[in-house]
Amino acid sequence: MAAVNEPSPLVFARPSLTESRFAHILMAVAVALVLIGAIVGIVIAVSAGQSETVLGIALIGGGLLCAAALC
């Protein structure tokens, strides 16, 4: 029977490689979708002559890509 104040060995769980790979693949798919959406949005906005929209799409898309790079 173990005493209350008796130290017990610490067990650390390692993350599985499957979860890590899935997270990386999911992030890559999300970044690719953001990049494609930003390019398509910029092309459509430029063809419509809306320069403010192009700037907004570029800033939001760039911010999302930078945030994804930091994760």
N, C-alpha and C. Protein backbone atom coordinates (compact mmCIF):
# COMPACT_ATOMS: atom_id res chain seq x y z
N MET A 1 0.84 -1.17 0.00
CA MET A 1 0.00 0.00 0.00
C MET A 1 0.89 1.24 0.00
N ALA A 2 0.60 2.18 -0.88
CA ALA A 2 1.42 3.38 -1.02
C ALA A 2 0.97 4.44 -0.04
N ALA A 3 1.94 5.11 0.51
CA ALA A 3 1.64 6.21 1.43
C ALA A 3 1.30 7.46 0.63
N VAL A 4 0.62 8.39 1.25
CA VAL A 4 0.20 9.60 0.56
C VAL A 4 1.38 10.47 0.17
N ASN A 5 2.37 10.59 1.01
CA ASN A 5 3.51 11.46 0.74
C ASN A 5 4.65 10.76 0.02
N GLU A 6 4.47 9.53 -0.35
CA GLU A 6 5.53 8.79 -1.03
C GLU A 6 5.59 9.22 -2.50
N PRO A 7 6.79 9.58 -2.98
CA PRO A 7 6.88 10.02 -4.38
C PRO A 7 6.63 8.86 -5.34
N SER A 8 5.99 9.17 -6.44
CA SER A 8 5.73 8.16 -7.45
C SER A 8 6.51 8.52 -8.71
N PRO A 9 6.88 7.56 -9.50
CA PRO A 9 7.63 7.87 -10.73
C PRO A 9 6.72 8.62 -11.71
N LEU A 10 7.31 9.63 -12.37
CA LEU A 10 6.55 10.42 -13.34
C LEU A 10 6.55 9.72 -14.68
N VAL A 11 5.41 9.72 -15.31
CA VAL A 11 5.27 9.11 -16.62
C VAL A 11 4.82 10.21 -17.58
N PHE A 12 5.63 10.42 -18.61
CA PHE A 12 5.30 11.44 -19.60
C PHE A 12 4.81 10.75 -20.87
N ALA A 13 3.72 11.24 -21.40
CA ALA A 13 3.17 10.67 -22.62
C ALA A 13 3.73 11.42 -23.82
N ARG A 14 4.24 10.66 -24.77
CA ARG A 14 4.72 11.26 -26.00
C ARG A 14 3.58 11.37 -26.98
N PRO A 15 3.49 12.49 -27.71
CA PRO A 15 2.44 12.57 -28.73
C PRO A 15 2.74 11.59 -29.86
N SER A 16 1.72 11.00 -30.37
CA SER A 16 1.92 10.03 -31.44
C SER A 16 2.24 10.75 -32.74
N LEU A 17 2.98 10.07 -33.60
CA LEU A 17 3.34 10.65 -34.89
C LEU A 17 2.13 10.82 -35.79
N THR A 18 1.14 9.99 -35.61
CA THR A 18 -0.05 10.07 -36.45
C THR A 18 -0.79 11.38 -36.22
N GLU A 19 -0.93 11.79 -34.96
CA GLU A 19 -1.61 13.05 -34.66
C GLU A 19 -0.82 14.22 -35.19
N SER A 20 0.49 14.17 -35.08
CA SER A 20 1.34 15.25 -35.54
C SER A 20 1.26 15.39 -37.06
N ARG A 21 1.32 14.27 -37.75
CA ARG A 21 1.23 14.31 -39.22
C ARG A 21 -0.13 14.82 -39.66
N PHE A 22 -1.17 14.37 -38.99
CA PHE A 22 -2.52 14.83 -39.35
C PHE A 22 -2.63 16.34 -39.17
N ALA A 23 -2.07 16.87 -38.09
CA ALA A 23 -2.13 18.31 -37.85
C ALA A 23 -1.36 19.08 -38.91
N HIS A 24 -0.21 18.55 -39.31
CA HIS A 24 0.58 19.23 -40.34
C HIS A 24 -0.12 19.19 -41.69
N ILE A 25 -0.73 18.07 -42.02
CA ILE A 25 -1.46 17.97 -43.29
C ILE A 25 -2.66 18.90 -43.28
N LEU A 26 -3.37 18.94 -42.16
CA LEU A 26 -4.53 19.82 -42.05
C LEU A 26 -4.12 21.29 -42.19
N MET A 27 -3.01 21.68 -41.56
CA MET A 27 -2.53 23.05 -41.67
C MET A 27 -2.10 23.36 -43.10
N ALA A 28 -1.47 22.42 -43.77
CA ALA A 28 -1.06 22.63 -45.16
C ALA A 28 -2.26 22.82 -46.07
N VAL A 29 -3.30 22.03 -45.86
CA VAL A 29 -4.52 22.17 -46.66
C VAL A 29 -5.17 23.53 -46.40
N ALA A 30 -5.22 23.94 -45.14
CA ALA A 30 -5.82 25.23 -44.81
C ALA A 30 -5.04 26.39 -45.42
N VAL A 31 -3.72 26.32 -45.36
CA VAL A 31 -2.89 27.38 -45.95
C VAL A 31 -3.06 27.41 -47.46
N ALA A 32 -3.13 26.25 -48.09
CA ALA A 32 -3.32 26.20 -49.54
C ALA A 32 -4.67 26.80 -49.93
N LEU A 33 -5.72 26.49 -49.17
CA LEU A 33 -7.04 27.05 -49.46
C LEU A 33 -7.06 28.57 -49.29
N VAL A 34 -6.40 29.06 -48.24
CA VAL A 34 -6.33 30.52 -48.03
C VAL A 34 -5.58 31.18 -49.17
N LEU A 35 -4.48 30.58 -49.60
CA LEU A 35 -3.68 31.14 -50.69
C LEU A 35 -4.47 31.16 -51.99
N ILE A 36 -5.14 30.07 -52.31
CA ILE A 36 -5.94 30.02 -53.54
C ILE A 36 -7.09 31.01 -53.48
N GLY A 37 -7.76 31.07 -52.33
CA GLY A 37 -8.87 32.03 -52.19
C GLY A 37 -8.41 33.47 -52.29
N ALA A 38 -7.25 33.77 -51.72
CA ALA A 38 -6.73 35.13 -51.81
C ALA A 38 -6.37 35.50 -53.24
N ILE A 39 -5.75 34.59 -53.96
CA ILE A 39 -5.38 34.87 -55.35
C ILE A 39 -6.62 35.07 -56.21
N VAL A 40 -7.60 34.19 -56.05
CA VAL A 40 -8.83 34.32 -56.83
C VAL A 40 -9.56 35.62 -56.47
N GLY A 41 -9.63 35.94 -55.19
CA GLY A 41 -10.29 37.17 -54.77
C GLY A 41 -9.60 38.41 -55.30
N ILE A 42 -8.28 38.41 -55.30
CA ILE A 42 -7.54 39.56 -55.83
C ILE A 42 -7.76 39.70 -57.32
N VAL A 43 -7.74 38.60 -58.05
CA VAL A 43 -7.95 38.67 -59.50
C VAL A 43 -9.34 39.20 -59.82
N ILE A 44 -10.35 38.73 -59.11
CA ILE A 44 -11.72 39.20 -59.35
C ILE A 44 -11.86 40.67 -58.98
N ALA A 45 -11.28 41.07 -57.85
CA ALA A 45 -11.38 42.46 -57.43
C ALA A 45 -10.64 43.40 -58.37
N VAL A 46 -9.48 42.97 -58.88
CA VAL A 46 -8.73 43.80 -59.82
C VAL A 46 -9.50 43.95 -61.12
N SER A 47 -10.11 42.86 -61.58
CA SER A 47 -10.86 42.93 -62.83
C SER A 47 -12.10 43.81 -62.69
N ALA A 48 -12.62 43.94 -61.46
CA ALA A 48 -13.77 44.80 -61.22
C ALA A 48 -13.36 46.23 -60.91
N GLY A 49 -12.05 46.48 -60.75
CA GLY A 49 -11.55 47.82 -60.49
C GLY A 49 -11.71 48.27 -59.05
N GLN A 50 -11.72 47.36 -58.11
CA GLN A 50 -11.88 47.71 -56.71
C GLN A 50 -10.54 47.56 -55.98
N SER A 51 -9.79 48.65 -55.94
CA SER A 51 -8.44 48.59 -55.36
C SER A 51 -8.48 48.44 -53.84
N GLU A 52 -9.49 49.00 -53.17
CA GLU A 52 -9.58 48.86 -51.72
C GLU A 52 -9.83 47.41 -51.31
N THR A 53 -10.62 46.71 -52.10
CA THR A 53 -10.90 45.31 -51.82
C THR A 53 -9.64 44.47 -51.99
N VAL A 54 -8.85 44.81 -53.02
CA VAL A 54 -7.60 44.09 -53.25
C VAL A 54 -6.68 44.26 -52.05
N LEU A 55 -6.58 45.47 -51.53
CA LEU A 55 -5.73 45.73 -50.37
C LEU A 55 -6.22 44.95 -49.15
N GLY A 56 -7.52 44.93 -48.94
CA GLY A 56 -8.08 44.19 -47.81
C GLY A 56 -7.84 42.70 -47.91
N ILE A 57 -8.06 42.14 -49.09
CA ILE A 57 -7.82 40.71 -49.28
C ILE A 57 -6.35 40.39 -49.08
N ALA A 58 -5.47 41.23 -49.60
CA ALA A 58 -4.03 40.98 -49.46
C ALA A 58 -3.60 41.04 -48.00
N LEU A 59 -4.12 42.01 -47.25
CA LEU A 59 -3.75 42.12 -45.83
C LEU A 59 -4.27 40.96 -45.01
N ILE A 60 -5.52 40.58 -45.22
CA ILE A 60 -6.10 39.48 -44.46
C ILE A 60 -5.42 38.16 -44.84
N GLY A 61 -5.22 37.92 -46.13
CA GLY A 61 -4.55 36.70 -46.56
C GLY A 61 -3.12 36.63 -46.07
N GLY A 62 -2.41 37.74 -46.13
CA GLY A 62 -1.04 37.77 -45.62
C GLY A 62 -0.98 37.53 -44.12
N GLY A 63 -1.93 38.09 -43.40
CA GLY A 63 -1.98 37.88 -41.96
C GLY A 63 -2.25 36.42 -41.60
N LEU A 64 -3.16 35.79 -42.34
CA LEU A 64 -3.45 34.39 -42.07
C LEU A 64 -2.27 33.49 -42.41
N LEU A 65 -1.56 33.81 -43.50
CA LEU A 65 -0.39 33.01 -43.85
C LEU A 65 0.73 33.18 -42.83
N CYS A 66 0.91 34.38 -42.33
CA CYS A 66 1.93 34.61 -41.29
C CYS A 66 1.56 33.89 -39.99
N ALA A 67 0.28 33.92 -39.65
CA ALA A 67 -0.16 33.22 -38.44
C ALA A 67 0.03 31.71 -38.60
N ALA A 68 -0.23 31.19 -39.78
CA ALA A 68 -0.04 29.75 -40.02
C ALA A 68 1.44 29.38 -39.96
N ALA A 69 2.30 30.29 -40.41
CA ALA A 69 3.73 30.01 -40.38
C ALA A 69 4.25 29.98 -38.94
N LEU A 70 3.63 30.74 -38.06
CA LEU A 70 4.08 30.78 -36.67
C LEU A 70 3.57 29.62 -35.84
N CYS A 71 2.55 28.91 -36.32
CA CYS A 71 1.99 27.79 -35.55
C CYS A 71 2.83 26.56 -35.64
